[in-house]
N, C-alpha and C. Protein backbone atom coordinates (compact mmCIF):
# COMPACT_ATOMS: atom_id res chain seq x y z
N MET A 1 58.81 -21.58 37.97
CA MET A 1 59.06 -21.55 39.33
C MET A 1 58.43 -22.80 40.11
N PRO A 2 58.35 -23.53 39.91
CA PRO A 2 58.13 -25.00 40.97
C PRO A 2 59.02 -25.45 41.34
N GLY A 3 59.91 -24.89 40.64
CA GLY A 3 61.13 -25.77 41.22
C GLY A 3 62.27 -24.74 42.15
N ALA A 4 61.52 -24.01 42.35
CA ALA A 4 62.32 -22.51 43.77
C ALA A 4 63.16 -23.00 44.72
N PHE A 5 62.07 -23.73 44.83
CA PHE A 5 62.80 -24.32 46.50
C PHE A 5 63.22 -25.59 46.47
N LEU A 6 63.26 -26.90 45.46
CA LEU A 6 63.85 -27.76 45.07
C LEU A 6 65.08 -28.23 45.46
N THR A 7 65.88 -27.45 45.61
CA THR A 7 67.42 -27.45 46.34
C THR A 7 67.35 -27.14 47.79
N ILE A 8 66.31 -26.58 48.37
CA ILE A 8 66.17 -26.43 49.46
C ILE A 8 65.37 -27.76 49.97
N VAL A 9 64.01 -28.23 49.43
CA VAL A 9 63.48 -29.64 49.70
C VAL A 9 64.62 -31.04 50.26
N VAL A 10 65.21 -30.93 48.91
CA VAL A 10 65.67 -32.39 48.77
C VAL A 10 67.12 -32.25 50.08
N ALA A 11 67.72 -31.04 50.44
CA ALA A 11 69.19 -30.75 50.89
C ALA A 11 68.06 -31.41 52.62
N CYS A 12 67.01 -30.72 52.81
CA CYS A 12 66.68 -31.10 54.01
C CYS A 12 66.07 -32.48 54.21
N ALA A 13 65.07 -32.82 52.93
CA ALA A 13 65.05 -34.32 52.91
C ALA A 13 66.46 -35.15 53.26
N TYR A 14 67.84 -35.26 52.71
CA TYR A 14 68.41 -35.80 52.97
C TYR A 14 69.31 -35.44 54.66
N VAL A 15 69.18 -34.33 54.88
CA VAL A 15 69.04 -33.80 56.59
C VAL A 15 68.51 -35.05 57.40
N THR A 16 67.39 -34.82 57.16
CA THR A 16 66.09 -35.27 57.78
C THR A 16 66.43 -36.74 57.40
N THR A 17 66.54 -37.83 56.46
CA THR A 17 67.17 -39.12 55.93
C THR A 17 68.36 -39.25 56.84
N ASP A 18 69.42 -38.69 56.68
CA ASP A 18 70.99 -38.69 57.78
C ASP A 18 70.62 -39.08 59.22
N ALA A 19 69.95 -38.27 59.89
CA ALA A 19 69.05 -37.99 61.38
C ALA A 19 68.26 -38.75 61.41
N LEU A 20 67.63 -39.72 61.10
CA LEU A 20 66.57 -40.51 61.73
C LEU A 20 67.27 -42.48 60.39
N THR A 21 67.69 -42.34 60.46
CA THR A 21 68.41 -43.78 59.58
C THR A 21 69.46 -44.50 60.24
N PRO A 22 69.85 -45.49 60.82
CA PRO A 22 70.76 -45.87 61.43
C PRO A 22 72.05 -46.26 60.75
N ALA A 23 72.99 -45.74 61.52
CA ALA A 23 74.05 -45.50 60.67
C ALA A 23 74.53 -46.62 59.63
N SER A 24 73.72 -48.29 60.10
CA SER A 24 74.64 -49.18 59.02
C SER A 24 73.64 -49.11 58.07
N ARG A 25 72.18 -48.31 57.51
CA ARG A 25 71.62 -48.25 56.78
C ARG A 25 71.69 -47.16 55.93
N THR A 26 72.71 -46.06 55.98
CA THR A 26 72.70 -45.40 55.34
C THR A 26 72.48 -44.60 53.79
N SER A 27 73.10 -45.95 53.05
CA SER A 27 73.27 -45.77 52.01
C SER A 27 71.87 -46.69 51.23
N GLU A 28 70.74 -46.82 51.92
CA GLU A 28 69.87 -47.85 51.24
C GLU A 28 68.84 -46.85 51.92
N ALA A 29 69.19 -45.76 52.20
CA ALA A 29 67.91 -45.17 53.24
C ALA A 29 67.90 -43.43 51.83
N TYR A 30 69.28 -43.28 51.32
CA TYR A 30 69.72 -42.35 50.12
C TYR A 30 69.03 -43.30 49.05
N ALA A 31 69.67 -44.03 48.99
CA ALA A 31 68.98 -45.03 47.28
C ALA A 31 67.38 -44.67 47.47
N TRP A 32 66.60 -44.95 48.33
CA TRP A 32 65.08 -45.10 48.74
C TRP A 32 64.82 -43.06 48.66
N LEU A 33 65.39 -42.79 49.00
CA LEU A 33 65.13 -40.76 48.59
C LEU A 33 65.31 -40.80 47.32
N ILE A 34 66.63 -41.22 46.67
CA ILE A 34 66.35 -40.84 45.35
C ILE A 34 65.53 -41.14 44.76
N LEU A 35 65.04 -42.45 44.75
CA LEU A 35 64.11 -43.08 43.85
C LEU A 35 62.52 -42.68 44.28
N ALA A 36 62.30 -42.49 45.48
CA ALA A 36 61.36 -41.34 45.83
C ALA A 36 61.33 -40.27 45.12
N ILE A 37 62.62 -39.39 45.43
CA ILE A 37 62.16 -38.32 44.16
C ILE A 37 62.50 -37.93 42.80
N GLY A 38 63.21 -39.26 42.04
CA GLY A 38 62.82 -39.39 41.08
C GLY A 38 61.37 -39.46 40.76
N ALA A 39 60.79 -40.28 41.43
CA ALA A 39 59.32 -40.89 40.62
C ALA A 39 58.48 -39.93 40.85
N GLY A 40 58.19 -39.39 41.95
CA GLY A 40 57.67 -38.18 42.71
C GLY A 40 57.55 -36.86 40.64
N GLN A 41 58.92 -37.05 40.85
CA GLN A 41 59.23 -35.94 39.75
C GLN A 41 58.53 -36.69 38.16
N SER A 42 58.78 -37.57 37.68
CA SER A 42 58.58 -38.17 36.93
C SER A 42 56.70 -38.43 37.23
N ALA A 43 55.98 -38.54 37.87
CA ALA A 43 54.57 -38.64 38.14
C ALA A 43 53.84 -37.90 38.15
N GLY A 44 54.52 -36.19 38.33
CA GLY A 44 54.36 -34.97 38.74
C GLY A 44 54.31 -33.92 37.44
N THR A 45 55.38 -34.38 37.04
CA THR A 45 54.94 -33.60 35.87
C THR A 45 54.20 -35.09 34.21
N ALA A 46 54.90 -36.44 34.47
CA ALA A 46 52.89 -37.01 33.88
C ALA A 46 52.08 -36.19 34.49
N LEU A 47 51.48 -36.06 35.47
CA LEU A 47 49.97 -35.02 35.50
C LEU A 47 50.00 -34.42 35.48
N ALA A 48 51.19 -32.99 35.64
CA ALA A 48 50.56 -31.42 35.07
C ALA A 48 50.92 -31.20 33.18
N GLY A 49 50.81 -32.28 32.57
CA GLY A 49 51.43 -32.17 31.37
C GLY A 49 49.76 -32.86 30.68
N ARG A 50 49.14 -34.03 30.91
CA ARG A 50 47.85 -34.04 31.19
C ARG A 50 47.00 -32.98 31.39
N LEU A 51 46.99 -32.46 32.46
CA LEU A 51 45.88 -31.10 33.00
C LEU A 51 46.20 -29.61 32.67
N ALA A 52 47.71 -29.91 31.48
CA ALA A 52 47.77 -28.30 31.22
C ALA A 52 46.79 -28.09 30.33
N GLU A 53 46.12 -28.50 29.46
CA GLU A 53 44.77 -28.20 28.86
C GLU A 53 43.77 -27.86 29.68
N GLN A 54 43.55 -27.88 31.06
CA GLN A 54 42.69 -27.74 31.26
C GLN A 54 42.70 -26.71 32.47
N PRO A 55 42.45 -25.63 32.85
CA PRO A 55 42.96 -24.05 33.65
C PRO A 55 42.34 -25.20 35.08
N LEU A 56 41.16 -24.94 34.85
CA LEU A 56 40.63 -25.12 36.66
C LEU A 56 41.60 -26.35 37.41
N ALA A 57 42.53 -27.43 36.14
CA ALA A 57 42.51 -29.13 37.47
C ALA A 57 43.78 -28.16 37.52
N SER A 58 44.32 -27.79 35.94
CA SER A 58 45.61 -27.00 36.82
C SER A 58 46.22 -26.30 37.53
N ALA A 59 45.30 -25.09 38.01
CA ALA A 59 44.70 -24.99 39.29
C ALA A 59 44.42 -25.76 40.69
N ALA A 60 44.58 -26.75 40.54
CA ALA A 60 44.00 -26.79 41.74
C ALA A 60 44.68 -27.83 41.86
N LEU A 61 46.13 -28.98 41.18
CA LEU A 61 47.18 -29.26 40.93
C LEU A 61 47.77 -29.05 42.33
N PRO A 62 48.31 -27.59 42.66
CA PRO A 62 49.51 -27.61 43.75
C PRO A 62 48.83 -28.04 44.85
N ALA A 63 47.15 -27.76 45.46
CA ALA A 63 46.38 -27.73 46.57
C ALA A 63 46.95 -29.00 46.65
N ALA A 64 46.43 -29.92 45.77
CA ALA A 64 46.57 -31.72 45.62
C ALA A 64 47.56 -32.25 46.15
N GLY A 65 48.47 -31.81 45.50
CA GLY A 65 49.68 -32.12 45.82
C GLY A 65 49.67 -31.92 47.33
N ALA A 66 49.86 -30.50 47.62
CA ALA A 66 49.69 -29.99 49.13
C ALA A 66 49.03 -31.18 50.32
N ALA A 67 47.97 -31.23 49.95
CA ALA A 67 47.25 -32.18 50.61
C ALA A 67 47.15 -33.10 50.51
N PHE A 68 47.90 -33.78 49.28
CA PHE A 68 48.98 -35.24 49.61
C PHE A 68 50.07 -35.51 50.43
N ALA A 69 50.65 -34.42 50.32
CA ALA A 69 51.61 -34.70 51.15
C ALA A 69 51.59 -34.84 52.86
N LEU A 70 50.80 -33.65 53.30
CA LEU A 70 50.01 -33.15 54.53
C LEU A 70 49.87 -34.69 55.33
N ALA A 71 48.40 -35.49 53.95
CA ALA A 71 48.43 -36.57 54.52
C ALA A 71 49.35 -37.80 55.12
N VAL A 72 50.01 -37.93 53.72
CA VAL A 72 51.53 -38.56 54.51
C VAL A 72 52.50 -38.11 55.29
N LEU A 73 52.29 -37.00 55.69
CA LEU A 73 52.86 -36.65 56.91
C LEU A 73 52.78 -36.85 57.77
N LEU A 74 51.47 -36.56 57.95
CA LEU A 74 50.57 -36.97 59.16
C LEU A 74 50.30 -38.39 59.15
N ALA A 75 49.86 -39.28 58.76
CA ALA A 75 50.27 -40.88 58.30
C ALA A 75 50.70 -41.65 59.57
N ALA A 76 52.57 -40.95 58.96
CA ALA A 76 54.32 -41.65 59.11
C ALA A 76 54.46 -40.24 60.31
N ARG A 77 53.84 -39.75 60.80
CA ARG A 77 53.91 -38.85 62.01
C ARG A 77 54.70 -39.60 62.74
N ARG A 78 54.56 -40.79 63.47
CA ARG A 78 54.66 -41.32 64.96
C ARG A 78 56.14 -41.84 64.43
N ARG A 79 56.87 -42.67 63.30
CA ARG A 79 58.04 -43.01 62.82
C ARG A 79 58.91 -41.88 62.64
N LEU A 80 58.40 -41.12 62.38
CA LEU A 80 59.64 -39.65 61.85
C LEU A 80 59.94 -39.31 62.97
N GLY A 81 60.05 -39.53 64.34
CA GLY A 81 60.45 -39.09 65.43
C GLY A 81 61.62 -39.39 65.79
N PRO A 82 62.69 -39.11 66.38
CA PRO A 82 63.93 -39.47 66.51
C PRO A 82 63.32 -40.59 67.69
N THR A 83 65.01 -41.39 68.08
CA THR A 83 64.13 -42.69 68.97
C THR A 83 65.38 -42.26 70.24
N GLY A 84 64.93 -42.93 71.08
CA GLY A 84 64.53 -42.78 72.51
C GLY A 84 66.30 -42.75 72.57
N GLN A 85 67.58 -43.36 72.19
CA GLN A 85 68.60 -43.29 72.18
C GLN A 85 69.60 -42.29 71.57
N ARG A 86 68.72 -41.64 70.72
CA ARG A 86 69.09 -40.31 70.08
C ARG A 86 68.94 -38.93 70.93
N GLN A 87 69.96 -38.13 71.21
CA GLN A 87 69.39 -36.83 71.50
C GLN A 87 68.92 -36.16 70.45
N ARG A 88 68.22 -35.20 71.15
CA ARG A 88 67.64 -34.64 70.04
C ARG A 88 68.38 -33.52 69.90
N GLY A 89 68.48 -32.37 68.12
CA GLY A 89 69.00 -31.56 68.24
C GLY A 89 70.61 -31.82 68.26
N ARG A 90 71.11 -33.26 68.24
CA ARG A 90 72.43 -33.10 67.95
C ARG A 90 72.93 -33.66 66.76
N HIS A 91 73.79 -34.09 66.45
CA HIS A 91 74.40 -34.47 64.78
C HIS A 91 74.82 -36.70 65.33
N ARG A 92 74.82 -38.22 65.00
CA ARG A 92 75.17 -39.05 65.81
C ARG A 92 76.89 -38.32 65.04
N ARG A 93 76.88 -38.40 63.50
CA ARG A 93 78.38 -39.39 63.78
C ARG A 93 79.03 -37.26 63.80
N PRO A 94 80.23 -38.05 64.72
CA PRO A 94 81.46 -36.90 64.62
C PRO A 94 82.05 -36.51 63.57
N LEU A 95 82.38 -35.22 63.20
CA LEU A 95 82.79 -34.88 62.37
C LEU A 95 84.71 -34.62 62.33
N ARG A 96 85.30 -35.21 61.37
CA ARG A 96 86.37 -35.89 61.26
C ARG A 96 87.11 -35.21 59.32
N GLY A 97 88.42 -35.01 60.20
CA GLY A 97 89.32 -34.62 59.07
C GLY A 97 89.54 -33.28 58.93
N TRP A 98 88.84 -32.45 58.70
CA TRP A 98 89.07 -30.69 58.36
C TRP A 98 88.66 -30.05 59.75
N HIS A 99 88.42 -30.26 60.71
CA HIS A 99 88.31 -29.54 61.68
C HIS A 99 89.23 -29.77 62.65
N LYS A 100 89.00 -28.31 63.67
CA LYS A 100 90.68 -29.27 64.80
C LYS A 100 90.15 -29.57 65.83
N THR A 101 90.75 -30.47 66.60
CA THR A 101 90.40 -30.91 67.87
C THR A 101 90.84 -29.85 69.19
N PRO A 102 90.24 -30.24 70.28
CA PRO A 102 90.20 -29.36 71.16
C PRO A 102 91.10 -29.38 71.98
């Protein structure tokens, strides 16, 4: 069941990365995002494998992961907000190709 929401989390990560990254740096931002996801999955799998034999430690692993994620988000809170030049709630890139223009 750990991967039940992985698709949703990754989709939200891509949307957030797109919204917060300057247009000239999106490729680099996506590369860092993919690296972070892969490294996190590898580290989590290795740690879970080590702790699988100890029932108390494996029960505390999700809570420890959530606490770590919360600490990272709180530490980065100021840097995650939209910049002054962007409008809140609007995507910065125009849609092209598939839609009709009024």
